[in-house]
Amino acid sequence: MQERSINLTFHGVGEHDRPLAPSEAHVWLSAGQFESVLDAVDGRGDVRITFDDGNASDVAHALPALRRRGLSATFFVVAGRLGEPGFLDAGDVRALSAAGMTIGCHGMRHRAWRRLDDRELREELVEARRLLEDVVERPVTHAACPFGAYDRRVLGSLRSSGYEQVYTSDTGTTRPDRWLQARNTVCQGDDGDLLEHIVSSERSRYRTLRRRAKLVAKRWR
């Protein structure tokens, strides 16, 4: 049986150079906290690192810290924000790709995909990916759902659009070959003990069954 893995999600790191939305403040980490979590991850083959939103700190702070440890990550970029103040520009995305990082799609305008009509959903899944592929000049095959919002219709659109893996905000561990990948958002106050907390939370049969029921409901609604 294939081992389970832990997917971590980071957002902003260090000093921010743009106003933060209220929903962002608790996921924007200090440089010291970020480095502490990376130290706990370093050397573990069961942890995968991801970044959402395409913040400028991905290049300014996250990339150097990853490279010092020989770590890789997937950066899910909001294509429509390229070049906006506080976010990555096309050159930054190419720099991440050239450093061996994977570039994924986080949509065009950072909207909850469940609420969109078919035309808007196509913009998020197809047109945004095409824009990113033009930047990195290679296929973009991974997507992350903004706000963790998905349902059966969204998942069907992602499959028909050809994405090889889709990342959510569902917590817990997962199998690395699954198409739908649960992730754990790293928040202010988390440290190296976060990994053990994620694993230990699944040792409870009640919690495991409740989580599985919740995921089934989300996928079929």
Protein backbone atom coordinates (compact mmCIF):
# COMPACT_ATOMS: atom_id res chain seq x y z
CA MET A 1 0.00 0.00 0.00
CA GLN A 2 1.32 3.41 -0.97
CA GLU A 3 2.35 5.64 1.90
CA ARG A 4 0.28 8.68 2.76
CA SER A 5 1.65 12.18 2.34
CA ILE A 6 0.98 15.61 3.83
CA ASN A 7 0.37 18.63 1.61
CA LEU A 8 1.05 22.02 3.20
CA THR A 9 -0.28 25.32 1.84
CA PHE A 10 1.51 28.62 2.40
CA HIS A 11 0.37 32.06 1.32
CA GLY A 12 2.36 35.20 2.12
CA VAL A 13 5.71 35.32 3.93
CA GLY A 14 7.53 38.21 5.59
CA GLU A 15 6.67 41.88 5.30
CA HIS A 16 3.77 42.51 2.94
CA ASP A 17 3.81 45.43 0.53
CA ARG A 18 0.07 45.63 -0.13
CA PRO A 19 -3.03 45.87 2.09
CA LEU A 20 -4.21 42.44 3.18
CA ALA A 21 -7.81 41.28 2.98
CA PRO A 22 -9.22 40.21 6.37
CA SER A 23 -9.18 36.58 5.24
CA GLU A 24 -5.43 36.78 4.48
CA ALA A 25 -4.04 38.12 7.74
CA HIS A 26 -4.10 34.81 9.63
CA VAL A 27 -2.26 32.96 6.85
CA TRP A 28 0.49 35.54 6.32
CA LEU A 29 3.53 34.21 8.17
CA SER A 30 6.59 35.94 9.55
CA ALA A 31 9.84 34.94 7.91
CA GLY A 32 10.93 33.25 11.14
CA GLN A 33 7.78 31.16 11.42
CA PHE A 34 8.04 30.13 7.79
CA GLU A 35 11.65 29.03 8.24
CA SER A 36 10.68 27.07 11.36
CA VAL A 37 8.09 25.06 9.46
CA LEU A 38 10.51 24.46 6.58
CA ASP A 39 13.09 23.16 9.05
CA ALA A 40 10.53 20.62 10.29
CA VAL A 41 9.77 19.59 6.70
CA ASP A 42 13.41 19.35 5.59
CA GLY A 43 14.44 15.73 5.07
CA ARG A 44 10.89 14.35 5.13
CA GLY A 45 9.83 12.60 1.96
CA ASP A 46 6.18 12.50 2.95
CA VAL A 47 5.56 16.27 2.87
CA ARG A 48 4.80 18.36 -0.20
CA ILE A 49 4.85 22.15 -0.19
CA THR A 50 2.47 24.42 -2.07
CA PHE A 51 1.86 28.18 -2.28
CA ASP A 52 -1.37 29.90 -3.25
CA ASP A 53 -2.24 33.31 -4.73
CA GLY A 54 1.03 34.26 -6.42
CA ASN A 55 2.20 36.80 -3.84
CA ALA A 56 5.45 38.64 -4.53
CA SER A 57 6.87 37.09 -1.36
CA ASP A 58 6.99 33.76 -3.22
CA VAL A 59 10.13 35.00 -4.97
CA ALA A 60 11.39 37.49 -2.38
CA HIS A 61 11.26 35.20 0.66
CA ALA A 62 9.99 31.69 -0.08
CA LEU A 63 12.23 30.78 -3.02
CA PRO A 64 15.55 31.59 -1.29
CA ALA A 65 14.49 29.67 1.84
CA LEU A 66 13.49 26.65 -0.24
CA ARG A 67 16.73 26.69 -2.22
CA ARG A 68 18.88 26.86 0.90
CA ARG A 69 17.32 23.56 1.97
CA GLY A 70 17.17 21.94 -1.44
CA LEU A 71 13.37 21.82 -1.28
CA SER A 72 10.91 22.12 -4.14
CA ALA A 73 7.33 23.38 -4.17
CA THR A 74 4.31 23.99 -6.37
CA PHE A 75 3.22 27.61 -6.78
CA PHE A 76 -0.44 28.10 -7.69
CA VAL A 77 -0.64 31.47 -9.42
CA VAL A 78 -3.68 33.67 -10.03
CA ALA A 79 -3.10 34.45 -13.69
CA GLY A 80 -5.10 37.68 -13.79
CA ARG A 81 -2.99 39.22 -11.03
CA LEU A 82 0.33 38.95 -12.84
CA GLY A 83 2.16 42.26 -12.59
CA GLU A 84 -0.20 43.83 -10.05
CA PRO A 85 1.44 45.49 -7.01
CA GLY A 86 2.32 42.92 -4.37
CA PHE A 87 1.96 39.96 -6.73
CA LEU A 88 4.26 38.05 -9.05
CA ASP A 89 4.93 39.27 -12.56
CA ALA A 90 5.71 37.11 -15.57
CA GLY A 91 9.45 37.30 -14.95
CA ASP A 92 8.98 36.11 -11.37
CA VAL A 93 6.94 33.11 -12.52
CA ARG A 94 9.62 32.21 -15.05
CA ALA A 95 12.24 32.50 -12.31
CA LEU A 96 10.32 30.05 -10.12
CA SER A 97 10.00 27.63 -13.01
CA ALA A 98 13.68 27.96 -13.91
CA ALA A 99 14.57 27.15 -10.28
CA GLY A 100 12.82 23.80 -10.61
CA MET A 101 9.52 24.79 -9.01
CA THR A 102 6.20 23.64 -10.44
CA ILE A 103 3.75 26.28 -11.63
CA GLY A 104 0.07 25.51 -11.11
CA CYS A 105 -3.17 27.34 -11.87
CA HIS A 106 -5.19 29.12 -9.17
CA GLY A 107 -7.64 30.58 -11.67
CA MET A 108 -7.87 33.96 -13.33
CA ARG A 109 -9.45 36.24 -10.72
CA HIS A 110 -9.38 34.31 -7.44
CA ARG A 111 -13.10 33.60 -7.42
CA ALA A 112 -14.93 30.69 -5.78
CA TRP A 113 -15.45 28.33 -8.72
CA ARG A 114 -18.73 26.88 -7.42
CA ARG A 115 -20.47 30.23 -7.91
CA LEU A 116 -19.49 30.76 -11.54
CA ASP A 117 -21.43 30.15 -14.72
CA ASP A 118 -19.95 28.04 -17.51
CA ARG A 119 -18.28 30.95 -19.30
CA GLU A 120 -16.70 32.26 -16.11
CA LEU A 121 -15.55 28.78 -15.12
CA ARG A 122 -13.87 28.33 -18.49
CA GLU A 123 -11.99 31.60 -17.94
CA GLU A 124 -10.74 30.28 -14.58
CA LEU A 125 -9.76 26.79 -15.72
CA VAL A 126 -8.82 27.10 -19.39
CA GLU A 127 -7.92 30.68 -20.21
CA ALA A 128 -5.93 31.20 -17.00
CA ARG A 129 -3.95 28.03 -17.63
CA ARG A 130 -3.24 29.08 -21.22
CA LEU A 131 -1.89 32.42 -19.98
CA LEU A 132 0.42 30.70 -17.49
CA GLU A 133 1.60 28.21 -20.09
CA ASP A 134 2.53 31.09 -22.38
CA VAL A 135 4.64 32.50 -19.54
CA VAL A 136 6.52 29.33 -18.54
CA GLU A 137 6.46 27.72 -22.01
CA ARG A 138 5.51 24.32 -20.64
CA PRO A 139 2.26 22.54 -19.72
CA VAL A 140 0.46 23.56 -16.53
CA THR A 141 -1.19 20.38 -15.27
CA HIS A 142 -2.05 21.12 -11.62
CA ALA A 143 -4.80 23.35 -10.23
CA ALA A 144 -5.80 24.56 -6.76
CA CYS A 145 -9.37 25.55 -5.92
CA PRO A 146 -9.62 29.11 -4.53
CA PHE A 147 -11.11 29.10 -1.03
CA GLY A 148 -11.19 25.30 -1.27
CA ALA A 149 -14.58 25.63 -3.00
CA TYR A 150 -15.62 22.80 -5.30
CA ASP A 151 -18.53 20.55 -6.12
CA ARG A 152 -19.32 17.80 -8.61
CA ARG A 153 -19.72 20.28 -11.49
CA VAL A 154 -16.39 21.98 -10.79
CA LEU A 155 -14.58 18.65 -10.49
CA GLY A 156 -16.11 17.50 -13.77
CA SER A 157 -14.91 20.67 -15.49
CA LEU A 158 -11.42 20.22 -14.06
CA ARG A 159 -11.28 16.64 -15.33
CA SER A 160 -12.54 17.55 -18.79
CA SER A 161 -9.99 20.39 -18.91
CA GLY A 162 -7.22 17.84 -18.51
CA TYR A 163 -5.75 18.70 -15.13
CA GLU A 164 -3.66 15.84 -13.79
CA GLN A 165 -4.10 16.76 -10.11
CA VAL A 166 -6.39 19.15 -8.25
CA TYR A 167 -5.57 20.54 -4.80
CA THR A 168 -8.16 21.54 -2.21
CA SER A 169 -8.22 23.01 1.28
CA ASP A 170 -9.49 19.76 2.80
CA THR A 171 -7.29 18.82 5.71
CA GLY A 172 -5.48 15.60 6.64
CA THR A 173 -3.21 13.24 4.78
CA THR A 174 -3.64 11.85 1.28
CA ARG A 175 -2.10 9.38 -1.13
CA PRO A 176 0.36 11.12 -3.47
CA ASP A 177 -1.11 9.56 -6.62
CA ARG A 178 -4.70 10.66 -6.03
CA TRP A 179 -6.25 13.06 -8.50
CA LEU A 180 -7.87 15.13 -5.73
CA GLN A 181 -5.29 16.25 -3.18
CA ALA A 182 -6.20 17.39 0.33
CA ARG A 183 -4.04 20.17 1.80
CA ASN A 184 -3.41 21.77 5.17
CA THR A 185 -3.15 25.56 5.37
CA VAL A 186 -0.30 26.83 7.55
CA CYS A 187 -1.56 29.67 9.74
CA GLN A 188 -0.01 32.11 12.17
CA GLY A 189 0.89 30.25 15.34
CA ASP A 190 1.66 26.95 13.61
CA ASP A 191 5.15 25.52 14.02
CA GLY A 192 7.03 22.29 13.45
CA ASP A 193 4.49 20.41 15.58
CA LEU A 194 1.91 20.98 12.86
CA LEU A 195 2.96 17.83 11.02
CA GLU A 196 2.45 15.60 14.04
CA HIS A 197 -0.89 17.26 14.73
CA ILE A 198 -2.08 16.46 11.18
CA VAL A 199 -1.06 12.82 11.49
CA SER A 200 -2.39 12.35 15.02
CA SER A 201 -5.78 13.83 14.10
CA GLU A 202 -6.34 10.89 11.77
CA ARG A 203 -5.70 8.32 14.48
CA SER A 204 -9.19 8.99 15.81
CA ARG A 205 -11.66 6.70 14.07
CA TYR A 206 -14.50 9.12 14.75
CA ARG A 207 -12.64 12.06 13.21
CA THR A 208 -11.62 9.97 10.21
CA LEU A 209 -15.16 8.82 9.48
CA ARG A 210 -16.55 12.33 9.93
CA ARG A 211 -13.93 13.75 7.55
CA ARG A 212 -14.65 11.09 4.91
CA ALA A 213 -18.38 11.78 5.09
CA LYS A 214 -17.75 15.49 4.65
CA LEU A 215 -15.56 14.92 1.60
CA VAL A 216 -18.12 12.63 -0.04
CA ALA A 217 -20.81 15.27 0.48
CA LYS A 218 -18.63 17.98 -1.10
CA ARG A 219 -17.81 15.87 -4.14
CA TRP A 220 -21.40 14.95 -4.88
CA ARG A 221 -23.30 18.15 -4.07
